[in-house]
Amino acid sequence: MIRFFRLFLGKKNPLSVYLTMQKKKMSLTVIFIALAIILGGTYYALQPKSVKASNDVTAEQIKAMLNDPNVVMLDVRTTVEVSGGKIGNAVHVDYMNRSFESEIAKLDPSKTYVVYCHSAGRSPGAVRTLKKNGFENVLHYPGGWADWSRKN
């Protein structure tokens, strides 16, 4: 065996060659992990975190809008959640459902939509999706059903 190593490696000690190779593997592993952390952090930092505050509405503002025929409450919670109640005559489209984008495509983009979920976990994403699909008048109720059910 030693003859084999000397033939390919010259007069180097096989143990030192093995240790050198292990150090290189360890260095590559550390570099790979550091790169993964940096790329993951960069990706996370570039993700939009919330909707602009200027688009946010309060429960009091919603009460004033409920009878306006040009304003549609859009509930993006799951069907199970909606069975516990919803705001006014809200239209229900489950944001977590694969068909969310095809369902919102059926809505009238000329109306104003007030989007809410339980407590602003999903509704910011729904607002972004609506805007991406050409809806210009989109408002966000960050308090969601949790806030509405406490106040009304």
C-alpha atoms as a PDB file:
ATOM      1  CA  MET A   1       0.000   0.000   0.000  1.00  0.00           C
ATOM      2  CA  ILE A   2       2.791   2.422   0.922  1.00  0.00           C
ATOM      3  CA  ARG A   3       4.474   1.573  -2.350  1.00  0.00           C
ATOM      4  CA  PHE A   4       1.264   2.548  -4.152  1.00  0.00           C
ATOM      5  CA  PHE A   5       1.195   5.983  -2.480  1.00  0.00           C
ATOM      6  CA  ARG A   6       4.897   6.581  -3.095  1.00  0.00           C
ATOM      7  CA  LEU A   7       4.450   5.691  -6.730  1.00  0.00           C
ATOM      8  CA  PHE A   8       1.726   8.361  -7.176  1.00  0.00           C
ATOM      9  CA  LEU A   9       2.710  10.883  -4.525  1.00  0.00           C
ATOM     10  CA  GLY A  10       6.458  10.706  -4.440  1.00  0.00           C
ATOM     11  CA  LYS A  11       8.058  10.652  -1.000  1.00  0.00           C
ATOM     12  CA  LYS A  12       5.089  12.205   0.853  1.00  0.00           C
ATOM     13  CA  ASN A  13       3.733  10.415   3.880  1.00  0.00           C
ATOM     14  CA  PRO A  14       0.293   8.881   3.080  1.00  0.00           C
ATOM     15  CA  LEU A  15      -1.109  10.075   6.396  1.00  0.00           C
ATOM     16  CA  SER A  16      -0.158  13.684   5.713  1.00  0.00           C
ATOM     17  CA  VAL A  17      -1.690  13.425   2.223  1.00  0.00           C
ATOM     18  CA  TYR A  18      -4.907  12.056   3.761  1.00  0.00           C
ATOM     19  CA  LEU A  19      -5.033  14.840   6.374  1.00  0.00           C
ATOM     20  CA  THR A  20      -4.429  17.499   3.730  1.00  0.00           C
ATOM     21  CA  MET A  21      -7.308  16.113   1.685  1.00  0.00           C
ATOM     22  CA  GLN A  22      -9.577  16.149   4.760  1.00  0.00           C
ATOM     23  CA  LYS A  23      -8.676  19.788   5.473  1.00  0.00           C
ATOM     24  CA  LYS A  24      -9.570  20.722   1.893  1.00  0.00           C
ATOM     25  CA  LYS A  25     -12.910  18.909   2.208  1.00  0.00           C
ATOM     26  CA  MET A  26     -13.593  20.698   5.496  1.00  0.00           C
ATOM     27  CA  SER A  27     -12.716  24.064   3.945  1.00  0.00           C
ATOM     28  CA  LEU A  28     -15.061  23.440   1.026  1.00  0.00           C
ATOM     29  CA  THR A  29     -17.842  22.417   3.425  1.00  0.00           C
ATOM     30  CA  VAL A  30     -17.428  25.586   5.479  1.00  0.00           C
ATOM     31  CA  ILE A  31     -17.394  27.712   2.323  1.00  0.00           C
ATOM     32  CA  PHE A  32     -20.531  25.964   1.038  1.00  0.00           C
ATOM     33  CA  ILE A  33     -22.384  26.496   4.324  1.00  0.00           C
ATOM     34  CA  ALA A  34     -21.366  30.165   4.491  1.00  0.00           C
ATOM     35  CA  LEU A  35     -22.472  30.696   0.898  1.00  0.00           C
ATOM     36  CA  ALA A  36     -25.837  29.025   1.587  1.00  0.00           C
ATOM     37  CA  ILE A  37     -26.386  31.268   4.621  1.00  0.00           C
ATOM     38  CA  ILE A  38     -25.500  34.409   2.671  1.00  0.00           C
ATOM     39  CA  LEU A  39     -27.700  33.516  -0.307  1.00  0.00           C
ATOM     40  CA  GLY A  40     -30.592  32.488   1.928  1.00  0.00           C
ATOM     41  CA  GLY A  41     -30.331  35.712   3.925  1.00  0.00           C
ATOM     42  CA  THR A  42     -30.198  37.787   0.758  1.00  0.00           C
ATOM     43  CA  TYR A  43     -33.256  36.030  -0.662  1.00  0.00           C
ATOM     44  CA  TYR A  44     -35.168  36.577   2.586  1.00  0.00           C
ATOM     45  CA  ALA A  45     -34.142  40.237   2.770  1.00  0.00           C
ATOM     46  CA  LEU A  46     -35.361  40.891  -0.770  1.00  0.00           C
ATOM     47  CA  GLN A  47     -38.832  39.465  -0.131  1.00  0.00           C
ATOM     48  CA  PRO A  48     -41.525  42.114   0.345  1.00  0.00           C
ATOM     49  CA  LYS A  49     -42.665  41.983   3.958  1.00  0.00           C
ATOM     50  CA  SER A  50     -45.891  43.918   3.997  1.00  0.00           C
ATOM     51  CA  VAL A  51     -48.218  46.129   2.078  1.00  0.00           C
ATOM     52  CA  LYS A  52     -47.662  49.889   2.175  1.00  0.00           C
ATOM     53  CA  ALA A  53     -49.273  51.429   5.241  1.00  0.00           C
ATOM     54  CA  SER A  54     -51.067  53.985   3.038  1.00  0.00           C
ATOM     55  CA  ASN A  55     -53.239  51.117   1.742  1.00  0.00           C
ATOM     56  CA  ASP A  56     -54.218  49.985   5.237  1.00  0.00           C
ATOM     57  CA  VAL A  57     -57.724  50.619   6.529  1.00  0.00           C
ATOM     58  CA  THR A  58     -59.230  50.421  10.017  1.00  0.00           C
ATOM     59  CA  ALA A  59     -62.404  48.768  11.266  1.00  0.00           C
ATOM     60  CA  GLU A  60     -64.069  52.192  11.451  1.00  0.00           C
ATOM     61  CA  GLN A  61     -63.248  52.929   7.825  1.00  0.00           C
ATOM     62  CA  ILE A  62     -64.603  49.522   6.793  1.00  0.00           C
ATOM     63  CA  LYS A  63     -67.896  50.193   8.574  1.00  0.00           C
ATOM     64  CA  ALA A  64     -68.282  53.317   6.450  1.00  0.00           C
ATOM     65  CA  MET A  65     -67.563  51.345   3.255  1.00  0.00           C
ATOM     66  CA  LEU A  66     -69.787  48.304   3.847  1.00  0.00           C
ATOM     67  CA  ASN A  67     -72.811  49.771   2.043  1.00  0.00           C
ATOM     68  CA  ASP A  68     -70.828  51.139  -0.899  1.00  0.00           C
ATOM     69  CA  PRO A  69     -71.619  49.013  -3.992  1.00  0.00           C
ATOM     70  CA  ASN A  70     -68.180  49.780  -5.471  1.00  0.00           C
ATOM     71  CA  VAL A  71     -66.333  48.328  -2.467  1.00  0.00           C
ATOM     72  CA  VAL A  72     -65.920  44.569  -2.140  1.00  0.00           C
ATOM     73  CA  MET A  73     -64.654  42.910   1.020  1.00  0.00           C
ATOM     74  CA  LEU A  74     -62.339  40.066  -0.023  1.00  0.00           C
ATOM     75  CA  ASP A  75     -61.867  37.351   2.603  1.00  0.00           C
ATOM     76  CA  VAL A  76     -58.792  35.248   1.787  1.00  0.00           C
ATOM     77  CA  ARG A  77     -59.071  32.810   4.716  1.00  0.00           C
ATOM     78  CA  THR A  78     -59.769  29.099   4.365  1.00  0.00           C
ATOM     79  CA  THR A  79     -63.302  27.752   4.055  1.00  0.00           C
ATOM     80  CA  VAL A  80     -63.164  26.417   7.616  1.00  0.00           C
ATOM     81  CA  GLU A  81     -62.194  29.843   8.944  1.00  0.00           C
ATOM     82  CA  VAL A  82     -64.926  31.598   6.961  1.00  0.00           C
ATOM     83  CA  SER A  83     -67.550  29.240   8.409  1.00  0.00           C
ATOM     84  CA  GLY A  84     -67.007  31.083  11.711  1.00  0.00           C
ATOM     85  CA  GLY A  85     -68.165  34.355  10.151  1.00  0.00           C
ATOM     86  CA  LYS A  86     -67.074  37.058   7.755  1.00  0.00           C
ATOM     87  CA  ILE A  87     -67.273  40.821   7.341  1.00  0.00           C
ATOM     88  CA  GLY A  88     -70.519  41.913   5.704  1.00  0.00           C
ATOM     89  CA  ASN A  89     -71.098  40.295   2.316  1.00  0.00           C
ATOM     90  CA  ALA A  90     -67.431  39.501   1.808  1.00  0.00           C
ATOM     91  CA  VAL A  91     -66.443  37.484  -1.222  1.00  0.00           C
ATOM     92  CA  HIS A  92     -64.438  34.432  -0.175  1.00  0.00           C
ATOM     93  CA  VAL A  93     -61.399  33.334  -2.190  1.00  0.00           C
ATOM     94  CA  ASP A  94     -58.965  31.083  -0.294  1.00  0.00           C
ATOM     95  CA  TYR A  95     -55.449  32.480  -0.724  1.00  0.00           C
ATOM     96  CA  MET A  96     -53.911  29.102   0.136  1.00  0.00           C
ATOM     97  CA  ASN A  97     -55.827  27.355  -2.651  1.00  0.00           C
ATOM     98  CA  ARG A  98     -54.005  26.681  -5.923  1.00  0.00           C
ATOM     99  CA  SER A  99     -56.861  28.271  -7.831  1.00  0.00           C
ATOM    100  CA  PHE A 100     -56.488  31.659  -6.117  1.00  0.00           C
ATOM    101  CA  GLU A 101     -55.245  33.512  -9.200  1.00  0.00           C
ATOM    102  CA  SER A 102     -57.846  31.971 -11.485  1.00  0.00           C
ATOM    103  CA  GLU A 103     -60.576  32.850  -8.969  1.00  0.00           C
ATOM    104  CA  ILE A 104     -59.514  36.494  -8.668  1.00  0.00           C
ATOM    105  CA  ALA A 105     -59.429  36.711 -12.462  1.00  0.00           C
ATOM    106  CA  LYS A 106     -63.233  36.357 -12.315  1.00  0.00           C
ATOM    107  CA  LEU A 107     -63.543  39.499 -10.151  1.00  0.00           C
ATOM    108  CA  ASP A 108     -64.290  42.987 -11.501  1.00  0.00           C
ATOM    109  CA  PRO A 109     -60.994  44.939 -11.509  1.00  0.00           C
ATOM    110  CA  SER A 110     -62.842  48.289 -11.586  1.00  0.00           C
ATOM    111  CA  LYS A 111     -64.104  47.787  -8.011  1.00  0.00           C
ATOM    112  CA  THR A 112     -62.242  48.634  -4.822  1.00  0.00           C
ATOM    113  CA  TYR A 113     -61.228  45.567  -2.831  1.00  0.00           C
ATOM    114  CA  VAL A 114     -60.572  45.487   0.910  1.00  0.00           C
ATOM    115  CA  VAL A 115     -58.522  42.350   1.540  1.00  0.00           C
ATOM    116  CA  TYR A 116     -58.363  40.640   4.907  1.00  0.00           C
ATOM    117  CA  CYS A 117     -57.527  37.292   6.482  1.00  0.00           C
ATOM    118  CA  HIS A 118     -57.391  36.334  10.162  1.00  0.00           C
ATOM    119  CA  SER A 119     -54.606  38.651  11.280  1.00  0.00           C
ATOM    120  CA  ALA A 120     -52.521  39.819   8.296  1.00  0.00           C
ATOM    121  CA  GLY A 121     -50.582  36.607   7.746  1.00  0.00           C
ATOM    122  CA  ARG A 122     -51.905  35.929   4.236  1.00  0.00           C
ATOM    123  CA  SER A 123     -53.623  39.128   3.189  1.00  0.00           C
ATOM    124  CA  PRO A 124     -50.420  41.046   2.289  1.00  0.00           C
ATOM    125  CA  GLY A 125     -49.558  38.293  -0.205  1.00  0.00           C
ATOM    126  CA  ALA A 126     -53.100  38.384  -1.571  1.00  0.00           C
ATOM    127  CA  VAL A 127     -52.867  42.173  -2.015  1.00  0.00           C
ATOM    128  CA  ARG A 128     -49.591  41.766  -3.936  1.00  0.00           C
ATOM    129  CA  THR A 129     -51.166  39.087  -6.139  1.00  0.00           C
ATOM    130  CA  LEU A 130     -54.199  41.265  -6.879  1.00  0.00           C
ATOM    131  CA  LYS A 131     -51.992  44.205  -7.832  1.00  0.00           C
ATOM    132  CA  LYS A 132     -49.791  41.962  -9.966  1.00  0.00           C
ATOM    133  CA  ASN A 133     -52.936  40.859 -11.805  1.00  0.00           C
ATOM    134  CA  GLY A 134     -54.051  44.377 -12.682  1.00  0.00           C
ATOM    135  CA  PHE A 135     -56.251  45.360  -9.731  1.00  0.00           C
ATOM    136  CA  GLU A 136     -55.496  48.993  -8.955  1.00  0.00           C
ATOM    137  CA  ASN A 137     -57.885  49.795  -6.110  1.00  0.00           C
ATOM    138  CA  VAL A 138     -56.795  47.375  -3.408  1.00  0.00           C
ATOM    139  CA  LEU A 139     -56.896  48.173   0.292  1.00  0.00           C
ATOM    140  CA  HIS A 140     -55.671  46.049   3.180  1.00  0.00           C
ATOM    141  CA  TYR A 141     -57.264  45.472   6.578  1.00  0.00           C
ATOM    142  CA  PRO A 142     -54.309  44.401   8.740  1.00  0.00           C
ATOM    143  CA  GLY A 143     -56.465  43.726  11.795  1.00  0.00           C
ATOM    144  CA  GLY A 144     -58.320  41.021   9.918  1.00  0.00           C
ATOM    145  CA  TRP A 145     -61.117  38.888  11.257  1.00  0.00           C
ATOM    146  CA  ALA A 146     -59.465  38.735  14.692  1.00  0.00           C
ATOM    147  CA  ASP A 147     -59.727  42.512  15.086  1.00  0.00           C
ATOM    148  CA  TRP A 148     -63.177  42.774  13.459  1.00  0.00           C
ATOM    149  CA  SER A 149     -64.731  40.063  15.637  1.00  0.00           C
ATOM    150  CA  ARG A 150     -63.424  41.761  18.808  1.00  0.00           C
ATOM    151  CA  LYS A 151     -64.766  45.179  17.815  1.00  0.00           C
ATOM    152  CA  ASN A 152     -68.141  44.177  16.325  1.00  0.00           C
END
